[in-house]
Protein backbone atom coordinates (compact mmCIF):
# COMPACT_ATOMS: atom_id res chain seq x y z
CA MET A 1 -68.73 -1.22 45.17
CA ALA A 2 -65.34 -0.73 43.54
CA ASN A 3 -64.83 2.24 41.24
CA VAL A 4 -62.20 2.28 38.43
CA MET A 5 -60.88 5.55 36.98
CA PHE A 6 -58.59 5.51 33.94
CA GLY A 7 -55.37 7.42 33.19
CA LEU A 8 -55.29 9.88 36.06
CA LYS A 9 -51.50 10.38 36.15
CA ILE A 10 -49.55 8.72 33.35
CA GLY A 11 -52.08 8.23 30.60
CA SER A 12 -49.86 9.93 27.99
CA LYS A 13 -46.57 8.29 28.93
CA GLY A 14 -45.14 5.79 26.45
CA HIS A 15 -43.16 5.19 23.27
CA LEU A 16 -44.00 6.88 19.96
CA ASP A 17 -42.38 5.77 16.68
CA ARG A 18 -42.86 6.40 12.96
CA TYR A 19 -46.10 4.44 12.90
CA GLY A 20 -47.68 6.24 15.86
CA TRP A 21 -48.03 4.94 19.39
CA ALA A 22 -46.02 1.75 19.85
CA GLU A 23 -46.44 1.64 23.61
CA LYS A 24 -48.55 3.57 26.10
CA GLN A 25 -48.74 3.36 29.86
CA ALA A 26 -51.81 4.10 31.94
CA LEU A 27 -52.82 4.27 35.58
CA LEU A 28 -56.06 2.72 36.78
CA LYS A 29 -57.09 4.11 40.15
CA VAL A 30 -59.30 1.63 41.97
CA THR A 31 -61.24 2.89 45.01
CA GLY A 32 -64.06 1.61 47.21
CA LEU A 33 -62.53 -1.84 47.60
CA GLY A 34 -63.62 -2.21 51.22
CA PHE A 35 -61.62 -3.63 54.10
CA VAL A 36 -59.46 -6.75 53.59
CA SER A 37 -56.94 -8.49 55.82
CA GLY A 38 -53.77 -7.58 53.91
CA LYS A 39 -52.17 -5.79 50.95
CA ASP A 40 -52.03 -8.94 48.81
CA ASP A 41 -55.78 -9.45 49.11
CA LEU A 42 -56.36 -5.78 48.37
CA CYS A 43 -54.27 -6.00 45.15
CA TYR A 44 -56.14 -9.15 44.15
CA LYS A 45 -59.48 -7.39 44.56
CA ALA A 46 -58.17 -4.45 42.53
CA VAL A 47 -57.23 -6.74 39.62
CA LEU A 48 -60.67 -8.38 39.75
CA ALA A 49 -62.22 -4.90 39.72
CA ILE A 50 -60.35 -3.71 36.60
CA ASP A 51 -61.18 -7.00 34.86
CA ALA A 52 -64.85 -6.48 35.63
CA ALA A 53 -64.58 -2.95 34.25
CA GLY A 54 -63.22 -4.29 30.92
CA TYR A 55 -59.51 -3.65 31.48
CA THR A 56 -58.50 -7.28 30.89
CA TYR A 57 -55.26 -8.61 29.45
CA GLY A 58 -55.39 -8.15 25.66
CA SER A 59 -58.15 -5.53 25.75
CA VAL A 60 -57.91 -2.53 23.43
CA HIS A 61 -56.82 0.88 24.70
CA PRO A 62 -59.80 3.20 25.41
CA THR A 63 -58.63 5.89 22.95
CA VAL A 64 -55.90 4.27 20.77
CA ASP A 65 -57.43 1.33 18.91
CA THR A 66 -54.05 0.01 17.69
CA LEU A 67 -52.80 -0.66 21.24
CA PHE A 68 -53.65 -3.62 23.47
CA MET A 69 -53.01 -4.33 27.13
CA LEU A 70 -50.07 -6.74 26.79
CA GLY A 71 -47.68 -5.74 29.54
CA PRO A 72 -47.69 -6.55 33.26
CA ARG A 73 -50.17 -5.01 35.70
CA THR A 74 -48.38 -3.51 38.68
CA CYS A 75 -50.29 -2.75 41.89
CA ARG A 76 -49.47 -0.12 44.50
CA VAL A 77 -51.59 0.12 47.63
CA ILE A 78 -52.64 3.69 48.39
CA SER A 79 -54.91 3.18 51.37
CA SER A 80 -56.96 0.48 53.08
CA SER A 81 -59.51 0.63 50.26
CA ALA A 82 -57.64 2.11 47.25
CA VAL A 83 -55.03 0.68 44.84
CA ASP A 84 -53.25 2.18 41.84
CA VAL A 85 -52.74 -0.32 39.02
CA GLU A 86 -50.18 0.57 36.33
CA VAL A 87 -50.80 -1.14 32.98
CA THR A 88 -48.95 -1.14 29.63
CA TYR A 89 -50.54 -1.12 26.19
CA ARG A 90 -48.53 -2.22 23.16
CA ARG A 91 -49.07 -2.51 19.45
CA LYS A 92 -49.62 -6.04 18.17
CA GLU A 93 -48.79 -5.52 14.52
CA LYS A 94 -46.58 -3.23 12.43
CA ALA A 95 -48.39 -0.49 10.55
CA ASP A 96 -46.49 -0.90 7.26
CA PRO A 97 -43.95 -3.72 6.85
CA ASP A 98 -42.44 -2.13 3.71
CA TYR A 99 -41.89 1.35 5.15
CA VAL A 100 -38.24 2.48 5.21
CA ASP A 101 -37.11 5.74 6.79
CA ILE A 102 -34.13 7.29 4.95
CA ARG A 103 -31.76 9.84 6.44
CA GLY A 104 -28.71 11.32 4.72
CA ASP A 105 -25.81 13.63 5.49
CA ILE A 106 -23.12 15.26 3.35
CA VAL A 107 -20.34 17.09 5.17
CA LEU A 108 -16.78 18.19 4.42
CA VAL A 109 -13.94 16.30 6.10
CA GLN A 110 -10.25 17.09 5.92
CA GLU A 111 -7.76 14.48 4.82
CA ARG A 112 -4.12 14.31 3.81
CA THR A 113 -3.71 12.77 0.39
CA ASN A 114 -1.31 12.18 -2.49
CA LYS A 115 -4.14 12.38 -5.09
CA ASP A 116 -5.47 15.24 -7.18
CA LYS A 117 -9.17 15.88 -7.92
CA ASP A 118 -9.17 13.16 -10.61
CA GLY A 119 -7.56 10.54 -8.40
CA ASN A 120 -4.13 10.80 -10.02
CA ASP A 121 -0.92 10.62 -7.97
CA ILE A 122 0.76 13.94 -7.24
CA VAL A 123 4.30 13.50 -8.54
CA LEU A 124 6.98 16.20 -8.24
CA GLU A 125 10.17 16.19 -10.33
CA TRP A 126 13.52 17.89 -9.88
CA LYS A 127 16.42 17.87 -12.35
CA PRO A 128 19.44 19.96 -11.31
CA GLU A 129 21.13 19.83 -14.74
CA ALA A 130 20.69 18.30 -18.18
CA ALA A 131 23.28 15.61 -17.64
CA ARG A 132 21.66 14.23 -14.52
CA THR A 133 18.60 12.00 -14.14
CA ALA A 134 15.47 13.70 -12.89
CA LYS A 135 14.42 12.90 -9.36
CA THR A 136 10.78 12.35 -8.53
CA GLN A 137 8.92 12.64 -5.30
CA THR A 138 5.34 12.13 -4.15
CA GLY A 139 3.54 15.30 -3.12
CA MET A 140 1.13 15.38 -0.19
CA ILE A 141 -1.63 17.93 0.31
CA ASP A 142 -4.43 18.67 2.78
CA ARG A 143 -7.88 19.06 1.29
CA TRP A 144 -11.54 19.16 2.28
CA LEU A 145 -13.66 16.46 0.67
CA PRO A 146 -17.40 15.84 0.78
CA SER A 147 -18.29 12.78 2.81
CA MET A 148 -21.75 11.25 2.42
CA SER A 149 -23.55 8.95 4.82
CA LEU A 150 -26.93 7.24 4.56
CA GLU A 151 -29.06 5.61 7.23
CA PHE A 152 -31.98 3.29 6.50
CA SER A 153 -34.40 2.48 9.32
CA LYS A 154 -37.26 0.00 9.30
CA THR A 155 -39.17 -2.42 11.47
CA ILE A 156 -38.58 -6.12 10.88
CA GLU A 157 -39.75 -9.33 12.53
CA THR A 158 -36.39 -11.12 12.77
CA ASN A 159 -33.40 -10.34 14.98
CA PRO A 160 -31.00 -8.32 12.76
CA ALA A 161 -27.88 -9.22 14.75
CA PRO A 162 -26.82 -12.26 12.63
CA VAL A 163 -27.06 -10.27 9.39
CA ALA A 164 -25.42 -7.18 10.90
CA LYS A 165 -22.37 -9.24 11.91
CA THR A 166 -21.79 -10.14 8.24
CA LEU A 167 -22.23 -6.59 6.90
CA VAL A 168 -20.84 -4.07 9.41
CA GLY A 169 -17.23 -3.27 8.51
CA PHE A 170 -17.63 -4.52 4.92
CA LEU A 171 -17.88 -2.81 1.52
CA ASN A 172 -20.56 -3.29 -1.09
CA GLY A 173 -19.55 -6.26 -3.23
CA GLY A 174 -21.99 -5.30 -5.99
CA THR A 175 -23.63 -2.13 -7.23
CA PHE A 176 -25.16 -0.20 -4.31
CA GLN A 177 -27.03 3.11 -4.46
CA GLY A 178 -26.03 3.31 -8.13
CA ASP A 179 -22.29 3.17 -7.35
CA GLU A 180 -19.64 0.62 -8.27
CA PRO A 181 -18.46 -2.05 -5.81
CA GLY A 182 -16.14 -0.92 -3.04
CA GLN A 183 -17.47 2.63 -2.52
CA TRP A 184 -19.95 2.12 0.36
CA LEU A 185 -18.80 1.00 3.81
CA CYS A 186 -21.36 -0.35 6.28
CA MET A 187 -20.62 1.65 9.44
CA GLY A 188 -23.08 0.20 11.95
CA CYS A 189 -26.44 -1.35 12.74
CA PRO A 190 -28.15 -0.12 15.93
CA PHE A 191 -31.32 -2.04 16.78
CA HIS A 192 -33.77 -2.68 19.60
CA SER A 193 -37.00 -4.55 20.19
CA PRO A 194 -39.70 -2.69 22.15
CA ASP A 195 -41.84 -5.82 22.49
CA GLY A 196 -39.49 -8.57 23.61
CA GLY A 197 -38.33 -9.79 20.21
CA VAL A 198 -41.57 -9.67 18.22
CA HIS A 199 -40.54 -6.58 16.23
CA TRP A 200 -37.11 -4.99 15.78
CA GLU A 201 -36.50 -1.30 15.15
CA THR A 202 -33.40 -1.53 12.96
CA SER A 203 -31.06 0.92 11.22
CA PHE A 204 -28.21 0.29 8.79
CA LYS A 205 -25.67 3.08 8.36
CA PHE A 206 -23.36 3.50 5.35
CA ALA A 207 -20.55 5.91 4.43
CA HIS A 208 -19.44 6.70 0.87
CA ASN A 209 -16.01 7.37 -0.63
CA ASP A 210 -15.68 8.26 -4.33
CA TYR A 211 -12.14 6.87 -4.43
CA GLY A 212 -12.94 3.67 -2.59
CA TRP A 213 -11.53 2.64 0.77
CA LYS A 214 -8.12 1.30 -0.23
CA GLN A 215 -5.06 2.81 1.47
CA THR A 216 -1.76 3.62 -0.28
CA VAL A 217 1.40 3.40 1.84
CA TYR A 218 4.98 4.38 0.98
CA TYR A 219 8.44 3.52 2.14
CA ILE A 220 9.55 6.68 3.97
CA LEU A 221 13.19 7.71 4.38
CA ASP A 222 14.65 9.52 7.38
CA SER A 223 13.92 12.75 5.55
CA GLY A 224 10.21 12.05 5.96
CA ARG A 225 9.76 11.61 2.21
CA PRO A 226 9.56 8.59 -0.12
CA PRO A 227 12.77 7.73 -2.04
CA ALA A 228 13.54 10.18 -4.85
CA ASN A 229 15.28 7.55 -7.02
CA TYR A 230 12.33 5.17 -7.27
CA ASN A 231 12.97 2.53 -9.93
CA ALA A 232 10.01 0.36 -10.87
CA ALA A 233 12.23 -2.49 -12.04
CA TYR A 234 13.47 -3.04 -8.49
CA ASN A 235 10.74 -1.60 -6.34
CA GLU A 236 7.39 -2.22 -8.03
CA GLY A 237 4.93 -3.48 -5.43
CA LYS A 238 7.45 -2.99 -2.63
CA THR A 239 8.16 0.70 -2.10
CA VAL A 240 4.56 1.71 -2.78
CA LYS A 241 1.64 -0.59 -1.90
CA THR A 242 -2.10 -0.18 -2.21
CA ILE A 243 -3.78 -2.09 0.59
CA GLU A 244 -7.27 -3.62 0.56
CA VAL A 245 -8.50 -2.70 4.04
CA TYR A 246 -12.08 -4.02 4.08
CA GLY A 247 -13.73 -7.14 2.74
CA GLU A 248 -16.83 -7.12 0.55
CA ALA A 249 -20.37 -8.28 1.32
CA ASP A 250 -23.75 -8.49 -0.38
CA PHE A 251 -25.83 -5.45 0.59
CA ASP A 252 -28.68 -6.46 -1.72
CA GLN A 253 -29.98 -8.89 0.91
CA LEU A 254 -31.24 -5.88 2.91
CA GLY A 255 -33.68 -4.90 0.17
CA LEU A 256 -33.03 -1.18 0.63
CA PRO A 257 -34.35 1.49 -1.76
CA ASN A 258 -32.05 3.64 -3.85
CA ALA A 259 -31.83 6.98 -2.03
CA MET A 260 -29.72 8.54 -4.79
CA SER A 261 -32.28 8.44 -7.59
């Protein structure tokens, strides 16, 4: 008579997420199968034996009642009367569909800028004598600024790729995390499905800039500096330009909580 022993080698191997065990693998060692003509018949008898012992497709895990045998059953012949059967248990349902994991980071990054702490242009002026017109020049400095990032992770039941394509590389078009439009840039959306597309472990990452993400560029002379005799009447919008780098998108569709309050 066949004998089935559970979890001798890999009973604790699997995938653990924020809700607990999402996947667990187990090894069923089947012995006492008796002599058969070939390995295929031996594997077939082993599957019949584990079914008879209650290890059928869809059955609950012996110790984790949220997992069910949903993966393939892989047989490996050990001897003329023994077979190891590897099985996979997976979770059928999410534990909490509204749960969102929030991670944040604030670090200092160095940048070269023409702005002071209040966002005003740094303008230098030089006047050699009273009779001559003052010359102005833009000043550039290196400074360390705090840079904040937020990551929101959750499990959803739809493939996030279509939405991610419309958000990654875009700025918030409306108020987001209590800040005005244009301050949060969607940096990425890693995702994967551990159960073949039934559930998706998804994360959306955002980076914040107090001054927005526009870029100011200047006409630079051979001296490496902007022109000193800048005249707005002739050069407004030409010598100095502020460029909109990123488009805007609606982040509200993600339904994310406010991590700043």
